[in-house]
Amino acid sequence: MLRLAVVGKDVSASSSPQMHTFILRGMGKRCSYEKVSVAPAEFSVHAEELFRRFDAFNVTIPFKGEIIPYLKELKGDARIFGAVNTVLARERIGCNTDGFGFSMMLENAGYLCAGKRVLVLGAGGAGRSCIKMLSASGAEVFVYERNEERLMSVYRELGGFDPLTEVPCVPYDFIVNCTGIGMHDTVGKTPTVIYEGGRVMPVGEELLSQCGGAVDLIYVPEESKFLRIARECGKPTLSGGAMLFYQAYCADCIILGRKPDPAAAKVLWEKYREENP
């Protein structure tokens, strides 16, 4: 039986154990899967214990970068993004499956990226994955990040997008919230941005009423305030539950040494939703 876990600042509400257990059972494997919440200031104290206790573990906010010094190797997207969400403990190898999860979520929801104007809010670990995927899919990508140093660092690393230090209130085909604002202790809030002219305000109807759709990587709550405002403006919305499932599927393929199959992933997701409405 595989010993697995998800590690983050507060994973008490995470559905990762349920998802990974379901996915691995569908792939013919059994696992135990724990939730491990760690205060950021104590991560260095507990990090080595993770490698001893588990065969592999998933990493979420805010440790996707903090885990890297404990690893021997980064593979695939983890090297590009400088962020890890899947760790093979024995080998101390870090991987990142966020890009696969995001791509599959958009594809199966009918969001076409080629030629679309997309505004991404946030350039952290998950934001980098989304930016890279959107750019590679032919979208015209605009990225806003309040930390200008981080924004320009990501721009130098990835390129392929327009960095914004102020957000113009103009139409976008869809807007993606990658900030994490709206979950945990920020439930009921939306990301704060600097609009043109220097106005510092939470994202609201002024911006979302002009978009063609809104996507939030948050999955708890299922409808963030960001998505609720967009829905009330009559816009289609997409929550991050599907992304979580698809990146979990890809992570489990890595753990088992198998090649991800998008068609098989979609079948598993549809079955999962049937059993967990």
C-alpha atoms as a PDB file:
ATOM      1  CA  MET A   1       0.000   0.000   0.000  1.00  0.00           C
ATOM      2  CA  LEU A   2       1.346   3.420  -0.990  1.00  0.00           C
ATOM      3  CA  ARG A   3       1.806   5.912   1.844  1.00  0.00           C
ATOM      4  CA  LEU A   4       0.864   9.358   0.510  1.00  0.00           C
ATOM      5  CA  ALA A   5      -0.025  12.821   1.844  1.00  0.00           C
ATOM      6  CA  VAL A   6      -0.824  16.403   0.956  1.00  0.00           C
ATOM      7  CA  VAL A   7       1.210  19.086   2.720  1.00  0.00           C
ATOM      8  CA  GLY A   8       0.237  22.739   3.061  1.00  0.00           C
ATOM      9  CA  LYS A   9      -0.414  25.597   5.445  1.00  0.00           C
ATOM     10  CA  ASP A  10      -3.990  24.455   6.060  1.00  0.00           C
ATOM     11  CA  VAL A  11      -5.196  21.353   4.227  1.00  0.00           C
ATOM     12  CA  SER A  12      -7.974  20.501   6.670  1.00  0.00           C
ATOM     13  CA  ALA A  13     -10.620  21.045   3.973  1.00  0.00           C
ATOM     14  CA  SER A  14      -8.620  19.435   1.158  1.00  0.00           C
ATOM     15  CA  SER A  15     -10.346  16.824  -0.968  1.00  0.00           C
ATOM     16  CA  SER A  16      -6.976  15.415  -2.095  1.00  0.00           C
ATOM     17  CA  PRO A  17      -7.230  12.221   0.006  1.00  0.00           C
ATOM     18  CA  GLN A  18     -10.615  11.391  -1.512  1.00  0.00           C
ATOM     19  CA  MET A  19      -9.451  12.165  -5.047  1.00  0.00           C
ATOM     20  CA  HIS A  20      -6.140  10.317  -4.940  1.00  0.00           C
ATOM     21  CA  THR A  21      -7.696   7.272  -3.288  1.00  0.00           C
ATOM     22  CA  PHE A  22     -10.360   7.195  -6.014  1.00  0.00           C
ATOM     23  CA  ILE A  23      -7.851   7.674  -8.858  1.00  0.00           C
ATOM     24  CA  LEU A  24      -5.398   5.090  -7.600  1.00  0.00           C
ATOM     25  CA  ARG A  25      -8.175   2.576  -6.981  1.00  0.00           C
ATOM     26  CA  GLY A  26      -9.211   3.098 -10.610  1.00  0.00           C
ATOM     27  CA  MET A  27      -5.619   2.374 -11.595  1.00  0.00           C
ATOM     28  CA  GLY A  28      -5.546  -0.806  -9.541  1.00  0.00           C
ATOM     29  CA  LYS A  29      -3.550   0.511  -6.565  1.00  0.00           C
ATOM     30  CA  ARG A  30      -4.316   0.979  -2.872  1.00  0.00           C
ATOM     31  CA  CYS A  31      -3.057   3.844  -0.733  1.00  0.00           C
ATOM     32  CA  SER A  32      -3.271   5.561   2.607  1.00  0.00           C
ATOM     33  CA  TYR A  33      -3.460   9.331   2.201  1.00  0.00           C
ATOM     34  CA  GLU A  34      -2.981  11.861   5.010  1.00  0.00           C
ATOM     35  CA  LYS A  35      -3.520  15.595   5.379  1.00  0.00           C
ATOM     36  CA  VAL A  36      -0.497  17.359   6.874  1.00  0.00           C
ATOM     37  CA  SER A  37      -0.991  21.012   7.843  1.00  0.00           C
ATOM     38  CA  VAL A  38       2.205  22.862   8.754  1.00  0.00           C
ATOM     39  CA  ALA A  39       2.666  26.438   9.928  1.00  0.00           C
ATOM     40  CA  PRO A  40       4.991  28.203   7.471  1.00  0.00           C
ATOM     41  CA  ALA A  41       7.453  29.102  10.218  1.00  0.00           C
ATOM     42  CA  GLU A  42       7.746  25.413  11.163  1.00  0.00           C
ATOM     43  CA  PHE A  43       8.183  23.914   7.687  1.00  0.00           C
ATOM     44  CA  SER A  44      11.951  23.489   7.995  1.00  0.00           C
ATOM     45  CA  VAL A  45      11.433  21.554  11.243  1.00  0.00           C
ATOM     46  CA  HIS A  46       9.029  19.050   9.643  1.00  0.00           C
ATOM     47  CA  ALA A  47      10.374  18.781   6.076  1.00  0.00           C
ATOM     48  CA  GLU A  48      12.753  15.843   6.596  1.00  0.00           C
ATOM     49  CA  GLU A  49      10.033  13.866   8.385  1.00  0.00           C
ATOM     50  CA  LEU A  50       7.958  13.893   5.185  1.00  0.00           C
ATOM     51  CA  PHE A  51      10.647  11.943   3.326  1.00  0.00           C
ATOM     52  CA  ARG A  52      10.779   9.345   6.076  1.00  0.00           C
ATOM     53  CA  ARG A  53       7.017   8.883   6.521  1.00  0.00           C
ATOM     54  CA  PHE A  54       5.735   8.809   2.945  1.00  0.00           C
ATOM     55  CA  ASP A  55       6.461   7.139  -0.388  1.00  0.00           C
ATOM     56  CA  ALA A  56       5.378  10.323  -2.133  1.00  0.00           C
ATOM     57  CA  PHE A  57       3.557  13.498  -1.171  1.00  0.00           C
ATOM     58  CA  ASN A  58       1.789  16.423  -2.789  1.00  0.00           C
ATOM     59  CA  VAL A  59       2.693  19.997  -1.916  1.00  0.00           C
ATOM     60  CA  THR A  60       0.349  22.965  -1.932  1.00  0.00           C
ATOM     61  CA  ILE A  61       0.311  26.623  -0.811  1.00  0.00           C
ATOM     62  CA  PRO A  62       2.712  27.984   0.423  1.00  0.00           C
ATOM     63  CA  PHE A  63       5.388  25.251   0.169  1.00  0.00           C
ATOM     64  CA  LYS A  64       5.712  24.662  -3.588  1.00  0.00           C
ATOM     65  CA  GLY A  65       8.991  26.550  -3.592  1.00  0.00           C
ATOM     66  CA  GLU A  66      10.080  25.896  -0.015  1.00  0.00           C
ATOM     67  CA  ILE A  67      10.381  22.142  -0.654  1.00  0.00           C
ATOM     68  CA  ILE A  68      12.949  22.561  -3.444  1.00  0.00           C
ATOM     69  CA  PRO A  69      16.119  22.834  -1.272  1.00  0.00           C
ATOM     70  CA  TYR A  70      15.310  19.378   0.151  1.00  0.00           C
ATOM     71  CA  LEU A  71      15.221  17.741  -3.305  1.00  0.00           C
ATOM     72  CA  LYS A  72      17.970  16.209  -5.423  1.00  0.00           C
ATOM     73  CA  GLU A  73      16.314  16.819  -8.803  1.00  0.00           C
ATOM     74  CA  LEU A  74      13.504  18.745 -10.474  1.00  0.00           C
ATOM     75  CA  LYS A  75      11.830  17.236 -13.514  1.00  0.00           C
ATOM     76  CA  GLY A  76       9.661  18.614 -16.325  1.00  0.00           C
ATOM     77  CA  ASP A  77       7.572  21.662 -15.506  1.00  0.00           C
ATOM     78  CA  ALA A  78       9.022  21.894 -12.006  1.00  0.00           C
ATOM     79  CA  ARG A  79      12.324  23.013 -13.550  1.00  0.00           C
ATOM     80  CA  ILE A  80      10.577  25.640 -15.677  1.00  0.00           C
ATOM     81  CA  PHE A  81       8.239  26.992 -13.005  1.00  0.00           C
ATOM     82  CA  GLY A  82      10.500  26.736  -9.993  1.00  0.00           C
ATOM     83  CA  ALA A  83       7.563  25.172  -8.141  1.00  0.00           C
ATOM     84  CA  VAL A  84       6.830  21.599  -7.057  1.00  0.00           C
ATOM     85  CA  ASN A  85       3.507  19.946  -6.265  1.00  0.00           C
ATOM     86  CA  THR A  86       4.526  16.266  -6.366  1.00  0.00           C
ATOM     87  CA  VAL A  87       7.485  14.716  -4.594  1.00  0.00           C
ATOM     88  CA  LEU A  88       8.857  11.185  -4.963  1.00  0.00           C
ATOM     89  CA  ALA A  89      10.218  10.827  -1.447  1.00  0.00           C
ATOM     90  CA  ARG A  90      12.786   8.040  -1.831  1.00  0.00           C
ATOM     91  CA  GLU A  91      14.347   9.580  -4.927  1.00  0.00           C
ATOM     92  CA  ARG A  92      13.847  13.164  -3.677  1.00  0.00           C
ATOM     93  CA  ILE A  93      12.532  14.158  -7.106  1.00  0.00           C
ATOM     94  CA  GLY A  94      10.142  17.074  -7.513  1.00  0.00           C
ATOM     95  CA  CYS A  95       7.568  17.425 -10.304  1.00  0.00           C
ATOM     96  CA  ASN A  96       4.805  19.873 -11.183  1.00  0.00           C
ATOM     97  CA  THR A  97       1.481  18.725 -12.657  1.00  0.00           C
ATOM     98  CA  ASP A  98      -0.421  22.030 -12.409  1.00  0.00           C
ATOM     99  CA  GLY A  99       0.008  22.767 -16.123  1.00  0.00           C
ATOM    100  CA  PHE A 100      -1.524  19.430 -17.116  1.00  0.00           C
ATOM    101  CA  GLY A 101      -4.395  19.960 -14.686  1.00  0.00           C
ATOM    102  CA  PHE A 102      -5.111  23.492 -15.869  1.00  0.00           C
ATOM    103  CA  SER A 103      -4.958  22.532 -19.541  1.00  0.00           C
ATOM    104  CA  MET A 104      -7.309  19.582 -19.070  1.00  0.00           C
ATOM    105  CA  MET A 105      -9.756  21.664 -17.031  1.00  0.00           C
ATOM    106  CA  LEU A 106     -10.026  24.355 -19.711  1.00  0.00           C
ATOM    107  CA  GLU A 107     -10.196  21.857 -22.574  1.00  0.00           C
ATOM    108  CA  ASN A 108     -13.015  19.817 -21.066  1.00  0.00           C
ATOM    109  CA  ALA A 109     -14.955  22.958 -20.131  1.00  0.00           C
ATOM    110  CA  GLY A 110     -14.799  24.221 -23.725  1.00  0.00           C
ATOM    111  CA  TYR A 111     -12.428  27.136 -23.095  1.00  0.00           C
ATOM    112  CA  LEU A 112     -10.449  27.634 -26.298  1.00  0.00           C
ATOM    113  CA  CYS A 113      -7.197  29.523 -25.772  1.00  0.00           C
ATOM    114  CA  ALA A 114      -5.792  30.203 -29.239  1.00  0.00           C
ATOM    115  CA  GLY A 115      -6.195  33.862 -30.148  1.00  0.00           C
ATOM    116  CA  LYS A 116      -7.987  34.728 -26.889  1.00  0.00           C
ATOM    117  CA  ARG A 117      -7.165  37.691 -24.647  1.00  0.00           C
ATOM    118  CA  VAL A 118      -6.600  36.301 -21.164  1.00  0.00           C
ATOM    119  CA  LEU A 119      -5.851  38.205 -17.968  1.00  0.00           C
ATOM    120  CA  VAL A 120      -4.031  36.191 -15.299  1.00  0.00           C
ATOM    121  CA  LEU A 121      -4.055  37.512 -11.736  1.00  0.00           C
ATOM    122  CA  GLY A 122      -1.036  36.292  -9.791  1.00  0.00           C
ATOM    123  CA  ALA A 123       2.377  34.999 -10.868  1.00  0.00           C
ATOM    124  CA  GLY A 124       3.165  32.569  -8.063  1.00  0.00           C
ATOM    125  CA  GLY A 125       3.696  28.835  -8.506  1.00  0.00           C
ATOM    126  CA  ALA A 126       0.238  28.057  -9.892  1.00  0.00           C
ATOM    127  CA  GLY A 127       0.207  31.297 -11.876  1.00  0.00           C
ATOM    128  CA  ARG A 128       3.439  30.392 -13.647  1.00  0.00           C
ATOM    129  CA  SER A 129       1.980  27.070 -14.737  1.00  0.00           C
ATOM    130  CA  CYS A 130      -1.116  28.764 -16.138  1.00  0.00           C
ATOM    131  CA  ILE A 131       0.856  31.510 -17.863  1.00  0.00           C
ATOM    132  CA  LYS A 132       3.121  28.978 -19.590  1.00  0.00           C
ATOM    133  CA  MET A 133       0.209  26.816 -20.734  1.00  0.00           C
ATOM    134  CA  LEU A 134      -1.862  29.744 -21.995  1.00  0.00           C
ATOM    135  CA  SER A 135       1.067  31.215 -23.910  1.00  0.00           C
ATOM    136  CA  ALA A 136       1.935  27.840 -25.436  1.00  0.00           C
ATOM    137  CA  SER A 137      -1.720  27.452 -26.509  1.00  0.00           C
ATOM    138  CA  GLY A 138      -1.635  30.671 -28.521  1.00  0.00           C
ATOM    139  CA  ALA A 139      -3.461  32.999 -26.140  1.00  0.00           C
ATOM    140  CA  GLU A 140      -2.595  36.681 -25.810  1.00  0.00           C
ATOM    141  CA  VAL A 141      -1.725  36.697 -22.115  1.00  0.00           C
ATOM    142  CA  PHE A 142      -1.700  39.651 -19.734  1.00  0.00           C
ATOM    143  CA  VAL A 143      -0.385  39.089 -16.217  1.00  0.00           C
ATOM    144  CA  TYR A 144      -0.948  41.266 -13.175  1.00  0.00           C
ATOM    145  CA  GLU A 145       1.099  40.693 -10.029  1.00  0.00           C
ATOM    146  CA  ARG A 146       1.251  43.217  -7.161  1.00  0.00           C
ATOM    147  CA  ASN A 147       4.835  42.199  -6.419  1.00  0.00           C
ATOM    148  CA  GLU A 148       6.580  43.889  -9.336  1.00  0.00           C
ATOM    149  CA  GLU A 149       9.890  42.150  -8.632  1.00  0.00           C
ATOM    150  CA  ARG A 150       8.209  38.734  -8.872  1.00  0.00           C
ATOM    151  CA  LEU A 151       6.323  39.810 -12.002  1.00  0.00           C
ATOM    152  CA  MET A 152       9.462  40.846 -13.845  1.00  0.00           C
ATOM    153  CA  SER A 153      11.347  37.772 -12.637  1.00  0.00           C
ATOM    154  CA  VAL A 154       8.648  35.529 -14.128  1.00  0.00           C
ATOM    155  CA  TYR A 155       8.657  37.622 -17.309  1.00  0.00           C
ATOM    156  CA  ARG A 156      12.413  37.133 -17.680  1.00  0.00           C
ATOM    157  CA  GLU A 157      12.042  33.396 -17.080  1.00  0.00           C
ATOM    158  CA  LEU A 158       9.002  32.634 -19.219  1.00  0.00           C
ATOM    159  CA  GLY A 159       8.293  35.553 -21.532  1.00  0.00           C
ATOM    160  CA  GLY A 160       5.304  35.182 -23.825  1.00  0.00           C
ATOM    161  CA  PHE A 161       3.038  37.596 -21.949  1.00  0.00           C
ATOM    162  CA  ASP A 162       2.476  41.274 -21.247  1.00  0.00           C
ATOM    163  CA  PRO A 163       3.412  42.165 -17.643  1.00  0.00           C
ATOM    164  CA  LEU A 164       0.994  44.598 -15.991  1.00  0.00           C
ATOM    165  CA  THR A 165       1.666  46.786 -12.972  1.00  0.00           C
ATOM    166  CA  GLU A 166      -1.791  48.341 -13.431  1.00  0.00           C
ATOM    167  CA  VAL A 167      -4.944  46.638 -14.723  1.00  0.00           C
ATOM    168  CA  PRO A 168      -6.880  48.401 -17.485  1.00  0.00           C
ATOM    169  CA  CYS A 169     -10.648  47.843 -17.318  1.00  0.00           C
ATOM    170  CA  VAL A 170     -10.992  46.520 -20.861  1.00  0.00           C
ATOM    171  CA  PRO A 171     -12.638  43.360 -22.233  1.00  0.00           C
ATOM    172  CA  TYR A 172     -10.839  40.032 -21.848  1.00  0.00           C
ATOM    173  CA  ASP A 173     -12.079  36.714 -23.175  1.00  0.00           C
ATOM    174  CA  PHE A 174     -11.567  35.326 -19.703  1.00  0.00           C
ATOM    175  CA  ILE A 175      -9.843  36.183 -16.442  1.00  0.00           C
ATOM    176  CA  VAL A 176      -8.006  33.630 -14.296  1.00  0.00           C
ATOM    177  CA  ASN A 177      -7.524  34.111 -10.561  1.00  0.00           C
ATOM    178  CA  CYS A 178      -4.276  32.396  -9.553  1.00  0.00           C
ATOM    179  CA  THR A 179      -3.704  34.381  -6.353  1.00  0.00           C
ATOM    180  CA  GLY A 180      -5.369  32.053  -3.845  1.00  0.00           C
ATOM    181  CA  ILE A 181      -7.332  35.046  -2.517  1.00  0.00           C
ATOM    182  CA  GLY A 182     -10.816  33.797  -1.676  1.00  0.00           C
ATOM    183  CA  MET A 183      -9.950  30.668   0.305  1.00  0.00           C
ATOM    184  CA  HIS A 184      -8.863  29.886   3.879  1.00  0.00           C
ATOM    185  CA  ASP A 185      -8.631  33.134   5.861  1.00  0.00           C
ATOM    186  CA  THR A 186      -9.507  35.222   2.778  1.00  0.00           C
ATOM    187  CA  VAL A 187     -12.914  33.620   2.066  1.00  0.00           C
ATOM    188  CA  GLY A 188     -15.318  36.326   0.937  1.00  0.00           C
ATOM    189  CA  LYS A 189     -12.574  38.465  -0.601  1.00  0.00           C
ATOM    190  CA  THR A 190     -11.312  39.020  -4.141  1.00  0.00           C
ATOM    191  CA  PRO A 191      -7.758  39.909  -5.243  1.00  0.00           C
ATOM    192  CA  THR A 192      -6.807  43.541  -4.806  1.00  0.00           C
ATOM    193  CA  VAL A 193      -5.353  45.178  -7.899  1.00  0.00           C
ATOM    194  CA  ILE A 194      -4.081  48.567  -8.947  1.00  0.00           C
ATOM    195  CA  TYR A 195      -6.297  49.902 -11.718  1.00  0.00           C
ATOM    196  CA  GLU A 196      -5.149  52.443 -14.269  1.00  0.00           C
ATOM    197  CA  GLY A 197      -4.774  55.782 -12.581  1.00  0.00           C
ATOM    198  CA  GLY A 198      -3.444  54.256  -9.390  1.00  0.00           C
ATOM    199  CA  ARG A 199      -6.777  53.177  -7.862  1.00  0.00           C
ATOM    200  CA  VAL A 200      -6.218  50.272  -5.472  1.00  0.00           C
ATOM    201  CA  MET A 201      -9.381  48.190  -5.287  1.00  0.00           C
ATOM    202  CA  PRO A 202     -10.591  44.587  -4.945  1.00  0.00           C
ATOM    203  CA  VAL A 203     -11.573  43.006  -8.249  1.00  0.00           C
ATOM    204  CA  GLY A 204     -15.286  43.500  -8.734  1.00  0.00           C
ATOM    205  CA  GLU A 205     -18.064  44.144 -11.194  1.00  0.00           C
ATOM    206  CA  GLU A 206     -16.159  46.949 -12.933  1.00  0.00           C
ATOM    207  CA  LEU A 207     -13.668  44.442 -14.356  1.00  0.00           C
ATOM    208  CA  LEU A 208     -15.617  41.178 -14.335  1.00  0.00           C
ATOM    209  CA  SER A 209     -18.629  42.631 -16.171  1.00  0.00           C
ATOM    210  CA  GLN A 210     -16.386  43.106 -19.217  1.00  0.00           C
ATOM    211  CA  CYS A 211     -14.933  39.600 -19.337  1.00  0.00           C
ATOM    212  CA  GLY A 212     -16.203  36.689 -21.384  1.00  0.00           C
ATOM    213  CA  GLY A 213     -15.761  34.256 -18.497  1.00  0.00           C
ATOM    214  CA  ALA A 214     -14.032  33.827 -15.155  1.00  0.00           C
ATOM    215  CA  VAL A 215     -11.827  30.989 -13.921  1.00  0.00           C
ATOM    216  CA  ASP A 216     -10.672  30.547 -10.321  1.00  0.00           C
ATOM    217  CA  LEU A 217      -8.104  27.939  -9.308  1.00  0.00           C
ATOM    218  CA  ILE A 218      -9.728  27.869  -5.860  1.00  0.00           C
ATOM    219  CA  TYR A 219     -11.952  24.866  -5.227  1.00  0.00           C
ATOM    220  CA  VAL A 220     -12.896  25.469  -1.559  1.00  0.00           C
ATOM    221  CA  PRO A 221     -15.306  27.174  -1.451  1.00  0.00           C
ATOM    222  CA  GLU A 222     -16.661  25.825  -4.729  1.00  0.00           C
ATOM    223  CA  GLU A 223     -17.820  29.313  -5.675  1.00  0.00           C
ATOM    224  CA  SER A 224     -15.423  32.038  -4.574  1.00  0.00           C
ATOM    225  CA  LYS A 225     -16.543  35.650  -4.317  1.00  0.00           C
ATOM    226  CA  PHE A 226     -14.581  36.271  -7.537  1.00  0.00           C
ATOM    227  CA  LEU A 227     -16.738  33.701  -9.358  1.00  0.00           C
ATOM    228  CA  ARG A 228     -19.961  34.810  -7.673  1.00  0.00           C
ATOM    229  CA  ILE A 229     -19.511  38.378  -8.900  1.00  0.00           C
ATOM    230  CA  ALA A 230     -18.805  37.122 -12.425  1.00  0.00           C
ATOM    231  CA  ARG A 231     -21.866  34.840 -12.328  1.00  0.00           C
ATOM    232  CA  GLU A 232     -24.060  37.713 -11.129  1.00  0.00           C
ATOM    233  CA  CYS A 233     -22.754  39.688 -14.119  1.00  0.00           C
ATOM    234  CA  GLY A 234     -24.083  36.886 -16.338  1.00  0.00           C
ATOM    235  CA  LYS A 235     -20.672  35.389 -17.127  1.00  0.00           C
ATOM    236  CA  PRO A 236     -19.804  31.669 -17.320  1.00  0.00           C
ATOM    237  CA  THR A 237     -17.553  30.582 -14.453  1.00  0.00           C
ATOM    238  CA  LEU A 238     -15.214  27.694 -13.775  1.00  0.00           C
ATOM    239  CA  SER A 239     -13.983  26.575 -10.344  1.00  0.00           C
ATOM    240  CA  GLY A 240     -10.697  24.773  -9.729  1.00  0.00           C
ATOM    241  CA  GLY A 241     -12.081  21.378  -8.694  1.00  0.00           C
ATOM    242  CA  ALA A 242     -11.461  19.818 -12.105  1.00  0.00           C
ATOM    243  CA  MET A 243      -7.914  21.182 -12.196  1.00  0.00           C
ATOM    244  CA  LEU A 244      -7.233  19.633  -8.802  1.00  0.00           C
ATOM    245  CA  PHE A 245      -8.498  16.278 -10.039  1.00  0.00           C
ATOM    246  CA  TYR A 246      -6.520  16.304 -13.283  1.00  0.00           C
ATOM    247  CA  GLN A 247      -3.272  17.386 -11.660  1.00  0.00           C
ATOM    248  CA  ALA A 248      -3.845  14.678  -9.038  1.00  0.00           C
ATOM    249  CA  TYR A 249      -4.309  12.120 -11.816  1.00  0.00           C
ATOM    250  CA  CYS A 250      -1.061  13.232 -13.463  1.00  0.00           C
ATOM    251  CA  ALA A 251       0.727  13.129 -10.094  1.00  0.00           C
ATOM    252  CA  ASP A 252      -0.454   9.571  -9.501  1.00  0.00           C
ATOM    253  CA  CYS A 253       0.791   8.562 -12.953  1.00  0.00           C
ATOM    254  CA  ILE A 254       4.212   9.952 -11.991  1.00  0.00           C
ATOM    255  CA  ILE A 255       4.150   8.053  -8.698  1.00  0.00           C
ATOM    256  CA  LEU A 256       3.303   4.826 -10.540  1.00  0.00           C
ATOM    257  CA  GLY A 257       5.699   5.464 -13.412  1.00  0.00           C
ATOM    258  CA  ARG A 258       2.916   5.614 -16.001  1.00  0.00           C
ATOM    259  CA  LYS A 259       2.280   8.002 -18.900  1.00  0.00           C
ATOM    260  CA  PRO A 260      -0.771  10.247 -18.356  1.00  0.00           C
ATOM    261  CA  ASP A 261      -3.697   9.556 -20.688  1.00  0.00           C
ATOM    262  CA  PRO A 262      -6.010  12.599 -21.093  1.00  0.00           C
ATOM    263  CA  ALA A 263      -8.902  10.422 -22.301  1.00  0.00           C
ATOM    264  CA  ALA A 264      -8.598   8.118 -19.282  1.00  0.00           C
ATOM    265  CA  ALA A 265      -8.342  11.149 -16.997  1.00  0.00           C
ATOM    266  CA  LYS A 266     -11.594  12.568 -18.358  1.00  0.00           C
ATOM    267  CA  VAL A 267     -13.418   9.256 -17.852  1.00  0.00           C
ATOM    268  CA  LEU A 268     -12.191   9.091 -14.251  1.00  0.00           C
ATOM    269  CA  TRP A 269     -13.238  12.707 -13.602  1.00  0.00           C
ATOM    270  CA  GLU A 270     -16.749  12.120 -14.926  1.00  0.00           C
ATOM    271  CA  LYS A 271     -17.085   8.981 -12.809  1.00  0.00           C
ATOM    272  CA  TYR A 272     -15.743  10.816  -9.764  1.00  0.00           C
ATOM    273  CA  ARG A 273     -18.318  13.582 -10.179  1.00  0.00           C
ATOM    274  CA  GLU A 274     -21.110  11.033 -10.504  1.00  0.00           C
ATOM    275  CA  GLU A 275     -20.086   9.413  -7.235  1.00  0.00           C
ATOM    276  CA  ASN A 276     -19.344  12.718  -5.476  1.00  0.00           C
ATOM    277  CA  PRO A 277     -22.001  15.226  -6.626  1.00  0.00           C
END
